[in-house]
Protein backbone atom coordinates (compact mmCIF):
# COMPACT_ATOMS: atom_id res chain seq x y z
CA UNK A 1 264.73 163.14 73.57
CA UNK A 2 261.21 162.33 75.13
CA UNK A 3 259.43 159.04 75.78
CA UNK A 4 255.91 159.51 74.81
CA UNK A 5 253.11 156.73 74.96
CA UNK A 6 256.16 154.13 75.25
CA UNK A 7 257.95 155.41 72.45
CA UNK A 8 261.33 157.66 72.15
CA UNK A 9 260.65 160.76 69.94
CA UNK A 10 263.86 162.42 69.04
CA UNK A 11 263.38 166.42 68.58
CA UNK A 12 265.32 167.96 65.94
CA UNK A 13 268.91 168.51 66.45
CA UNK A 14 270.15 172.22 67.30
CA UNK A 15 273.13 174.13 67.05
CA UNK A 16 274.72 174.71 70.55
CA UNK A 17 277.55 177.34 71.03
CA UNK A 18 280.55 175.41 72.47
CA UNK A 19 280.88 177.73 75.01
CA UNK A 20 277.52 177.48 76.36
CA UNK A 21 278.21 173.64 77.29
CA UNK A 22 277.40 173.11 81.23
CA UNK A 23 279.58 172.82 84.03
CA UNK A 24 280.10 169.20 85.16
CA UNK A 25 277.22 169.42 87.82
CA UNK A 26 274.78 170.53 85.40
CA UNK A 27 275.77 167.16 83.53
CA UNK A 28 275.56 165.19 86.23
CA UNK A 29 272.07 166.26 86.48
CA UNK A 30 271.03 165.45 82.85
CA UNK A 31 272.59 162.26 83.23
CA UNK A 32 270.64 161.30 86.31
CA UNK A 33 267.79 162.31 84.33
CA UNK A 34 268.24 160.02 81.37
CA UNK A 35 268.99 157.08 83.48
CA UNK A 36 265.97 157.56 84.99
CA UNK A 37 264.17 157.41 81.99
CA UNK A 38 265.97 154.58 80.38
CA UNK A 39 265.35 152.46 83.76
CA UNK A 40 261.61 153.00 83.38
CA UNK A 41 261.85 152.05 79.46
CA UNK A 42 263.73 148.67 80.67
CA UNK A 43 262.21 147.68 83.71
CA UNK A 44 258.65 148.93 84.11
CA UNK A 45 256.22 146.35 82.62
CA UNK A 46 252.88 148.65 83.14
CA UNK A 47 252.08 150.60 80.35
CA UNK A 48 251.97 154.31 80.95
CA UNK A 49 248.59 155.89 80.26
CA UNK A 50 250.31 159.57 80.29
CA UNK A 51 253.20 160.88 78.44
CA UNK A 52 256.72 160.39 80.26
CA UNK A 53 258.79 163.75 79.43
CA UNK A 54 262.46 164.11 80.54
CA UNK A 55 263.66 167.45 80.98
CA UNK A 56 266.67 169.30 81.75
CA UNK A 57 266.89 171.05 85.05
CA UNK A 58 269.83 174.00 85.48
CA UNK A 59 272.05 173.61 87.77
CA UNK A 60 272.55 176.16 90.83
CA UNK A 61 275.13 178.00 88.80
CA UNK A 62 272.55 178.85 86.75
CA UNK A 63 273.61 177.68 82.55
CA UNK A 64 270.33 179.25 81.71
CA UNK A 65 271.59 179.41 77.87
CA UNK A 66 270.98 175.53 77.32
CA UNK A 67 267.35 175.56 75.91
CA UNK A 68 267.37 171.96 74.48
CA UNK A 69 268.78 168.81 76.16
CA UNK A 70 271.65 167.68 74.04
CA UNK A 71 271.73 164.13 71.88
CA UNK A 72 270.97 161.47 74.71
CA UNK A 73 273.83 159.29 73.20
CA UNK A 74 276.38 161.86 74.49
CA UNK A 75 275.66 161.08 77.90
CA UNK A 76 274.88 157.38 78.37
CA UNK A 77 278.46 155.62 77.74
CA UNK A 78 279.50 153.58 81.04
CA UNK A 79 277.19 155.76 83.02
CA UNK A 80 274.37 152.91 83.11
CA UNK A 81 275.06 149.88 84.42
CA UNK A 82 272.89 146.81 82.84
CA UNK A 83 269.56 146.42 84.36
CA UNK A 84 268.92 143.78 87.07
CA UNK A 85 267.47 141.05 85.75
CA UNK A 86 263.32 140.23 86.39
CA UNK A 87 262.40 137.58 88.18
CA UNK A 88 260.08 134.88 85.62
CA UNK A 89 256.50 136.49 85.80
CA UNK A 90 253.24 134.23 85.98
CA UNK A 91 251.25 135.63 82.86
CA UNK A 92 247.36 135.31 83.87
CA UNK A 93 244.39 135.53 81.24
CA UNK A 94 244.02 139.23 80.21
CA UNK A 95 240.55 140.83 81.97
CA UNK A 96 237.34 139.39 80.69
CA UNK A 97 238.60 136.22 79.22
CA UNK A 98 237.79 132.94 81.14
CA UNK A 99 239.86 129.57 80.38
CA UNK A 100 237.61 126.87 79.68
CA UNK A 101 237.20 123.28 78.29
CA UNK A 102 235.12 122.86 75.18
CA UNK A 103 234.47 119.34 73.10
CA UNK A 104 236.25 119.79 69.63
CA UNK A 105 234.05 118.91 67.01
CA UNK A 106 234.00 117.14 63.85
CA UNK A 107 233.00 120.35 62.14
CA UNK A 108 235.41 123.46 61.81
CA UNK A 109 236.54 124.84 65.08
CA UNK A 110 234.37 128.21 63.97
CA UNK A 111 231.26 126.56 64.62
CA UNK A 112 231.49 123.90 67.39
CA UNK A 113 227.97 121.82 67.25
CA UNK A 114 226.16 119.66 69.56
CA UNK A 115 225.80 115.91 68.87
CA UNK A 116 223.88 115.26 65.61
CA UNK A 117 224.19 111.98 63.31
CA UNK A 118 225.28 114.95 60.25
CA UNK A 119 228.00 115.88 62.12
CA UNK A 120 229.81 113.08 63.65
CA UNK A 121 230.90 112.23 67.09
CA UNK A 122 232.49 114.64 69.15
CA UNK A 123 236.52 114.34 69.68
CA UNK A 124 238.49 114.67 72.74
CA UNK A 125 238.56 117.82 74.58
CA UNK A 126 241.05 120.77 74.37
CA UNK A 127 241.82 123.63 76.67
CA UNK A 128 241.44 126.93 75.63
CA UNK A 129 240.44 130.34 76.30
CA UNK A 130 237.18 132.10 75.00
CA UNK A 131 236.79 135.68 73.87
CA UNK A 132 233.93 137.26 72.56
CA UNK A 133 234.98 136.59 68.80
CA UNK A 134 237.26 133.60 68.71
CA UNK A 135 238.59 130.72 70.79
CA UNK A 136 242.17 130.55 71.67
CA UNK A 137 244.19 127.09 71.90
CA UNK A 138 246.35 127.36 75.52
CA UNK A 139 247.67 124.07 75.70
CA UNK A 140 251.56 124.13 75.48
CA UNK A 141 252.06 120.26 74.42
CA UNK A 142 252.35 120.20 70.42
CA UNK A 143 249.96 117.96 68.47
CA UNK A 144 251.53 115.42 66.20
CA UNK A 145 251.38 116.84 62.23
CA UNK A 146 247.96 115.89 61.22
CA UNK A 147 246.24 115.67 57.65
CA UNK A 148 242.82 116.34 56.69
CA UNK A 149 241.33 113.63 54.54
CA UNK A 150 238.46 113.98 52.15
CA UNK A 151 236.10 111.05 52.66
CA UNK A 152 233.04 110.37 50.30
CA UNK A 153 230.55 108.04 52.09
CA UNK A 154 228.54 106.43 49.46
CA UNK A 155 225.64 104.19 50.02
CA UNK A 156 222.71 102.98 48.33
CA UNK A 157 219.09 104.42 49.29
CA UNK A 158 215.67 103.38 49.53
CA UNK A 159 214.37 103.52 45.97
CA UNK A 160 212.41 100.78 44.21
CA UNK A 161 212.67 98.71 42.42
CA UNK A 162 216.62 100.09 41.79
CA UNK A 163 218.30 101.52 44.46
CA UNK A 164 220.11 104.92 43.39
CA UNK A 165 223.80 105.98 44.74
CA UNK A 166 224.24 108.33 47.43
CA UNK A 167 227.25 110.17 48.54
CA UNK A 168 228.49 112.96 51.18
CA UNK A 169 231.91 113.98 52.26
CA UNK A 170 233.22 115.06 55.50
CA UNK A 171 236.54 116.04 56.36
CA UNK A 172 238.55 114.50 59.00
CA UNK A 173 241.98 114.39 60.35
CA UNK A 174 244.23 111.44 60.68
CA UNK A 175 248.27 111.26 61.11
CA UNK A 176 248.17 108.89 57.80
CA UNK A 177 245.84 107.55 54.98
CA UNK A 178 242.96 106.00 57.34
CA UNK A 179 242.00 102.74 56.96
CA UNK A 180 238.65 100.83 57.55
CA UNK A 181 238.75 100.28 61.22
CA UNK A 182 239.28 103.91 61.75
CA UNK A 183 236.51 105.15 59.77
CA UNK A 184 233.60 106.29 62.47
CA UNK A 185 229.99 105.65 61.72
CA UNK A 186 228.07 108.71 60.32
CA UNK A 187 224.23 109.80 60.25
CA UNK A 188 222.06 111.02 57.39
CA UNK A 189 218.82 112.33 56.82
CA UNK A 190 216.86 109.23 55.63
CA UNK A 191 213.83 110.97 54.94
CA UNK A 192 215.28 112.63 51.76
CA UNK A 193 216.17 108.96 50.86
CA UNK A 194 213.45 106.87 51.07
CA UNK A 195 214.95 105.21 54.20
CA UNK A 196 213.11 106.83 57.08
CA UNK A 197 210.26 108.93 58.03
CA UNK A 198 210.54 113.03 59.08
CA UNK A 199 209.22 112.40 62.30
CA UNK A 200 212.53 109.96 63.04
CA UNK A 201 214.57 110.54 60.20
CA UNK A 202 217.93 109.48 61.36
CA UNK A 203 220.09 106.61 59.52
CA UNK A 204 223.65 105.28 60.24
CA UNK A 205 226.32 104.78 57.76
CA UNK A 206 228.75 101.83 58.50
CA UNK A 207 231.93 101.94 56.19
CA UNK A 208 232.64 98.30 54.70
CA UNK A 209 234.83 98.98 51.96
CA UNK A 210 237.62 101.84 51.26
CA UNK A 211 239.29 102.57 48.18
CA UNK A 212 241.64 105.58 47.39
CA UNK A 213 239.55 108.11 45.46
CA UNK A 214 242.08 109.14 42.34
CA UNK A 215 240.06 112.41 41.62
CA UNK A 216 240.92 114.16 45.44
CA UNK A 217 243.86 115.07 47.09
CA UNK A 218 244.29 113.09 50.06
CA UNK A 219 240.44 111.57 49.25
CA UNK A 220 238.96 108.25 50.25
CA UNK A 221 236.09 106.56 48.44
CA UNK A 222 234.02 104.78 51.98
CA UNK A 223 231.66 102.20 50.40
CA UNK A 224 228.85 101.70 53.42
CA UNK A 225 226.23 99.78 54.60
CA UNK A 226 223.01 101.83 55.79
CA UNK A 227 222.06 100.66 59.64
CA UNK A 228 219.21 101.57 61.68
CA UNK A 229 219.97 104.50 64.80
CA UNK A 230 221.47 101.95 66.90
CA UNK A 231 224.25 101.47 64.37
CA UNK A 232 224.40 97.52 64.42
CA UNK A 233 220.65 96.53 63.02
CA UNK A 234 220.61 96.35 59.08
CA UNK A 235 218.20 99.02 57.74
CA UNK A 236 215.60 97.11 55.24
CA UNK A 237 217.31 98.49 52.52
CA UNK A 238 220.59 96.99 53.15
CA UNK A 239 220.89 94.33 50.29
CA UNK A 240 224.76 93.71 51.06
CA UNK A 241 224.27 92.57 54.89
CA UNK A 242 222.04 89.35 53.97
CA UNK A 243 223.62 88.34 50.72
CA UNK A 244 225.06 85.14 50.96
CA UNK A 245 228.86 84.96 50.49
CA UNK A 246 231.62 82.34 49.57
CA UNK A 247 235.35 83.63 48.81
CA UNK A 248 235.50 80.55 46.54
CA UNK A 249 232.63 82.06 44.62
CA UNK A 250 234.15 84.30 41.79
CA UNK A 251 232.01 86.38 40.20
CA UNK A 252 232.63 88.96 36.72
CA UNK A 253 229.88 91.13 35.70
CA UNK A 254 229.63 92.82 32.16
CA UNK A 255 228.14 96.14 32.79
CA UNK A 256 226.08 97.63 29.58
CA UNK A 257 224.67 100.69 29.68
CA UNK A 258 223.88 103.55 27.21
CA UNK A 259 225.66 107.40 27.10
CA UNK A 260 222.77 109.93 27.07
CA UNK A 261 222.90 113.60 26.40
CA UNK A 262 219.90 115.75 25.64
CA UNK A 263 217.25 112.95 26.01
CA UNK A 264 218.65 110.57 23.74
CA UNK A 265 221.66 108.23 23.33
CA UNK A 266 224.85 109.72 22.46
CA UNK A 267 225.40 110.25 18.57
CA UNK A 268 221.78 109.76 17.95
CA UNK A 269 220.26 112.79 15.93
CA UNK A 270 217.74 115.06 17.06
CA UNK A 271 214.87 113.45 15.46
CA UNK A 272 214.89 109.62 14.02
CA UNK A 273 217.45 106.77 14.41
CA UNK A 274 221.31 106.76 13.00
CA UNK A 275 222.21 103.67 10.90
CA UNK A 276 220.95 100.46 11.98
CA UNK A 277 222.81 98.35 14.40
CA UNK A 278 225.97 96.42 13.10
CA UNK A 279 229.16 98.56 13.33
CA UNK A 280 228.95 100.06 16.34
CA UNK A 281 229.65 96.56 18.09
CA UNK A 282 233.48 97.30 19.11
CA UNK A 283 233.91 99.80 16.42
CA UNK A 284 236.53 102.30 15.85
CA UNK A 285 236.18 105.74 14.64
CA UNK A 286 233.95 108.89 14.82
CA UNK A 287 231.14 107.25 12.71
CA UNK A 288 230.82 104.35 15.05
CA UNK A 289 231.81 105.73 18.27
CA UNK A 290 231.47 109.90 18.32
CA UNK A 291 233.97 112.15 19.72
CA UNK A 292 234.10 111.79 23.57
CA UNK A 293 232.55 108.46 24.28
CA UNK A 294 235.70 106.48 24.10
CA UNK A 295 237.51 109.66 26.05
CA UNK A 296 234.86 108.59 28.77
CA UNK A 297 235.51 104.96 28.99
CA UNK A 298 239.22 105.32 28.85
CA UNK A 299 239.35 107.69 31.63
CA UNK A 300 236.76 105.68 34.09
CA UNK A 301 239.11 102.63 33.08
CA UNK A 302 242.02 104.87 34.34
CA UNK A 303 240.24 106.02 37.26
CA UNK A 304 238.77 102.52 38.77
CA UNK A 305 242.32 101.02 38.35
CA UNK A 306 243.95 103.63 40.39
CA UNK A 307 241.24 103.31 43.13
CA UNK A 308 242.12 99.48 43.32
CA UNK A 309 239.07 98.42 41.70
CA UNK A 310 239.38 95.12 39.62
CA UNK A 311 238.25 96.22 36.42
CA UNK A 312 238.74 93.80 33.53
CA UNK A 313 238.06 95.64 30.65
CA UNK A 314 235.75 98.02 27.99
CA UNK A 315 234.41 98.07 24.68
CA UNK A 316 232.03 99.53 22.66
CA UNK A 317 228.33 97.49 22.46
CA UNK A 318 225.78 96.67 19.41
CA UNK A 319 223.65 99.88 19.55
CA UNK A 320 224.63 103.73 18.85
CA UNK A 321 226.29 105.11 22.42
CA UNK A 322 226.03 102.16 24.45
CA UNK A 323 229.24 100.25 25.95
CA UNK A 324 230.60 97.91 28.24
CA UNK A 325 232.89 97.47 31.35
CA UNK A 326 233.65 94.34 33.40
CA UNK A 327 234.36 94.02 36.93
CA UNK A 328 235.98 90.54 38.44
CA UNK A 329 235.69 89.66 42.28
CA UNK A 330 236.74 86.77 44.00
CA UNK A 331 233.64 86.62 46.88
CA UNK A 332 230.38 87.87 46.11
CA UNK A 333 230.35 90.88 48.19
CA UNK A 334 233.88 91.68 46.93
CA UNK A 335 232.76 91.37 43.26
CA UNK A 336 229.15 93.41 44.08
CA UNK A 337 230.85 96.45 46.03
CA UNK A 338 233.36 96.91 43.14
CA UNK A 339 230.45 97.51 40.62
CA UNK A 340 228.42 99.60 42.40
CA UNK A 341 231.55 101.72 42.98
CA UNK A 342 232.70 101.27 39.30
CA UNK A 343 228.95 102.65 38.58
CA UNK A 344 229.03 105.87 41.02
CA UNK A 345 232.82 106.41 39.34
CA UNK A 346 231.15 106.35 35.96
CA UNK A 347 228.24 108.80 37.00
CA UNK A 348 230.01 110.67 38.87
CA UNK A 349 232.87 111.34 35.43
CA UNK A 350 229.68 111.89 33.37
CA UNK A 351 228.71 115.17 35.36
CA UNK A 352 232.13 116.53 33.95
CA UNK A 353 231.30 116.18 29.91
CA UNK A 354 227.62 117.06 31.14
CA UNK A 355 226.83 112.98 29.79
CA UNK A 356 224.06 111.07 31.73
CA UNK A 357 224.56 107.15 32.33
CA UNK A 358 221.26 105.24 31.44
CA UNK A 359 221.07 101.91 32.95
CA UNK A 360 217.45 101.36 32.15
CA UNK A 361 217.59 97.34 30.07
CA UNK A 362 215.54 98.55 27.32
CA UNK A 363 215.64 102.29 26.83
CA UNK A 364 214.41 102.91 23.05
CA UNK A 365 211.47 100.56 23.97
CA UNK A 366 210.23 98.49 21.50
CA UNK A 367 212.79 98.90 18.54
CA UNK A 368 214.93 97.10 16.82
CA UNK A 369 217.92 98.01 18.78
CA UNK A 370 219.53 95.83 21.62
CA UNK A 371 218.97 96.03 25.51
CA UNK A 372 221.68 96.25 28.21
CA UNK A 373 222.35 93.70 30.57
CA UNK A 374 224.41 92.57 33.12
CA UNK A 375 225.60 89.28 32.61
CA UNK A 376 226.82 87.41 35.24
CA UNK A 377 229.62 85.00 35.15
CA UNK A 378 230.27 82.80 38.02
CA UNK A 379 232.22 79.98 39.19
CA UNK A 380 232.53 77.93 42.85
CA UNK A 381 235.85 76.05 43.52
CA UNK A 382 233.78 72.45 43.23
CA UNK A 383 233.00 74.02 39.91
CA UNK A 384 236.02 74.65 38.94
CA UNK A 385 238.51 71.79 40.48
CA UNK A 386 235.80 69.09 40.09
CA UNK A 387 232.80 69.88 38.15
CA UNK A 388 231.93 66.84 36.07
CA UNK A 389 228.74 66.71 33.21
CA UNK A 390 226.58 64.87 35.64
CA UNK A 391 226.83 67.81 38.23
CA UNK A 392 226.61 70.24 35.87
CA UNK A 393 223.01 68.88 34.37
CA UNK A 394 221.72 68.59 37.13
CA UNK A 395 222.84 72.38 38.64
CA UNK A 396 221.22 73.57 35.13
CA UNK A 397 217.86 71.45 36.48
CA UNK A 398 218.04 73.57 39.54
CA UNK A 399 218.19 77.05 37.57
CA UNK A 400 215.64 75.89 35.59
CA UNK A 401 213.18 74.96 38.76
CA UNK A 402 213.89 78.27 39.67
CA UNK A 403 213.94 80.48 37.12
CA UNK A 404 211.10 82.71 38.51
CA UNK A 405 213.39 83.53 41.49
CA UNK A 406 215.85 84.44 39.53
CA UNK A 407 213.87 86.66 36.66
CA UNK A 408 212.69 88.54 40.37
CA UNK A 409 215.90 89.86 41.43
CA UNK A 410 217.48 90.24 37.77
CA UNK A 411 216.59 93.84 37.37
CA UNK A 412 213.13 95.80 36.36
CA UNK A 413 211.59 95.76 32.84
CA UNK A 414 213.20 92.50 32.16
CA UNK A 415 210.08 91.13 29.95
CA UNK A 416 210.97 94.04 27.78
CA UNK A 417 214.75 93.02 27.03
CA UNK A 418 214.54 89.18 27.20
CA UNK A 419 211.89 88.55 24.54
CA UNK A 420 213.99 85.76 22.60
CA UNK A 421 215.41 88.62 20.48
CA UNK A 422 218.53 90.39 20.17
CA UNK A 423 220.56 87.81 21.80
CA UNK A 424 217.83 86.98 24.80
CA UNK A 425 215.92 83.99 26.07
CA UNK A 426 212.66 84.65 27.07
CA UNK A 427 212.30 85.63 30.54
CA UNK A 428 209.54 82.72 31.40
CA UNK A 429 212.06 80.17 29.84
CA UNK A 430 215.59 78.82 31.22
CA UNK A 431 217.67 77.17 28.87
CA UNK A 432 221.22 76.65 28.14
CA UNK A 433 223.30 76.13 25.17
CA UNK A 434 227.30 75.92 24.44
CA UNK A 435 228.47 79.27 23.24
CA UNK A 436 224.85 80.03 22.58
CA UNK A 437 224.25 83.78 23.16
CA UNK A 438 220.34 83.40 23.08
CA UNK A 439 219.98 80.80 25.94
CA UNK A 440 219.70 81.81 29.52
CA UNK A 441 222.81 80.09 30.35
CA UNK A 442 225.92 80.18 28.04
CA UNK A 443 228.12 77.16 28.40
CA UNK A 444 231.71 78.32 27.16
CA UNK A 445 233.73 75.80 24.77
CA UNK A 446 236.27 75.98 27.49
CA UNK A 447 233.98 74.58 30.17
CA UNK A 448 232.78 71.80 27.86
CA UNK A 449 236.18 71.03 26.75
CA UNK A 450 237.61 70.65 30.06
CA UNK A 451 235.27 67.81 31.46
CA UNK A 452 232.49 70.42 32.24
CA UNK A 453 234.90 72.33 34.53
CA UNK A 454 235.27 76.11 34.68
CA UNK A 455 232.92 79.18 34.52
CA UNK A 456 229.68 79.35 33.48
CA UNK A 457 227.88 82.73 32.19
CA UNK A 458 224.16 83.76 33.03
CA UNK A 459 223.09 86.12 30.32
CA UNK A 460 219.16 86.72 32.11
CA UNK A 461 220.55 89.41 34.67
CA UNK A 462 219.89 93.37 33.21
CA UNK A 463 221.93 96.42 33.40
CA UNK A 464 219.81 97.72 35.95
CA UNK A 465 219.96 94.49 37.95
CA UNK A 466 221.48 94.85 42.10
CA UNK A 467 224.91 92.72 41.72
CA UNK A 468 224.24 91.83 45.68
CA UNK A 469 220.96 90.35 45.14
CA UNK A 470 222.00 88.86 41.26
CA UNK A 471 225.03 86.95 43.30
CA UNK A 472 223.02 86.17 46.32
CA UNK A 473 220.41 83.89 44.17
CA UNK A 474 222.82 82.53 42.08
CA UNK A 475 224.76 81.09 45.02
CA UNK A 476 221.16 80.09 46.86
CA UNK A 477 220.23 77.83 43.83
CA UNK A 478 224.09 76.29 43.49
CA UNK A 479 223.55 75.70 47.20
CA UNK A 480 220.50 73.42 46.40
CA UNK A 481 222.69 71.07 44.15
CA UNK A 482 224.48 68.48 46.15
CA UNK A 483 228.04 67.31 45.04
CA UNK A 484 229.23 63.64 44.81
CA UNK A 485 230.32 64.28 48.55
CA UNK A 486 227.44 64.78 49.92
CA UNK A 487 227.99 68.06 50.23
CA UNK A 488 226.96 71.37 48.42
CA UNK A 489 229.63 73.46 45.91
CA UNK A 490 228.17 76.99 47.45
CA UNK A 491 228.39 76.49 51.09
């Protein structure tokens, strides 16, 4: 038997005549040789660079007839005692490997990057050994089980008069679904979103709301405000940071929009128009709503509810390819946040169906087709609990006096929609009426019948309007009207 390069190799067995078995002296020589070889195999910790060959030396008596050693097993029993246990050895790093302390980046470990606002912030250092092509952790302590979460940071860019929704994903490890307080600031290139110059392009995303993302495993939707590079000062485009807010102010937004495909409303022929509007509002059936619109709005409804958004309903609208959903929130920021997030989810869902969402208030121009609005239903604690006709009439007077200020933030191109036709009042006038959809402010029967208490509907905001600016202006006007107690209804 041979030991070659650390492995035992067994030669082919050969027939050995019984009469040629060596004498005891010769046998002892073979046993000693095997013991030496086995000791080397068990105790020697250094690798051999040369083959070690076990050979048979004939005894002085001259047993020359044996040319091949007998199988080792015939000579091993009881002759070899167990080797002496080795003392524990300290294993040094292999030659050429230098232990280092390397910061762990938010990026994958294969590309540890320097501090950069696009890459997050460095985490705690980990002890590693560095080789030419890999980084090997050598810490003996086990880390707690961590899960990688997909965090979609969502914000509004600097385009005017209507900002666009933007989003990008980062992967972070947490031991459970992260809370808002655990989410870090993150940077982005403001020069690509009209929020910074290329010579100083860094802007910062500050998480302000977080929702589960139903479309992703271990995903979250992170609503963000845009901040200046110091991470503290709101960016000039940040409308949310300056909104008037009141937890007692409740808002319900009715978002109308068109589905567009191949440059025209969904269901429109390649040229010309479909049947005049009339049967499409709350319509049912292929002729009224087509074959994919309802599938999209139903899926959007489910996604919003799964994300924790207070989605209140859907319906087909007056024009072909036009739909509406409603979002309700207590507090202007909460309601506006959820409207923007619902818009984001609808636009992302449209990607799946090759359909765009058209928010322009009059996409079909000066035609006999309805435009799109985002009617704002509102109330305050005082308006719900106290109200009264006298207070209501003063409030309507304040809305009329501030008509231009409202129109200025109620969405672009509103003059195209607010014409006095198609259930609208003119943009340069402010009126109210009980159940009047042609008025600026619709007063529900329930409000008038309840002693002028409850909610009102401002029908002037259009479908492209910024809910932060709309809610803030409504609260500003309400705050200008004193209540009977000498305070205001919107503090």
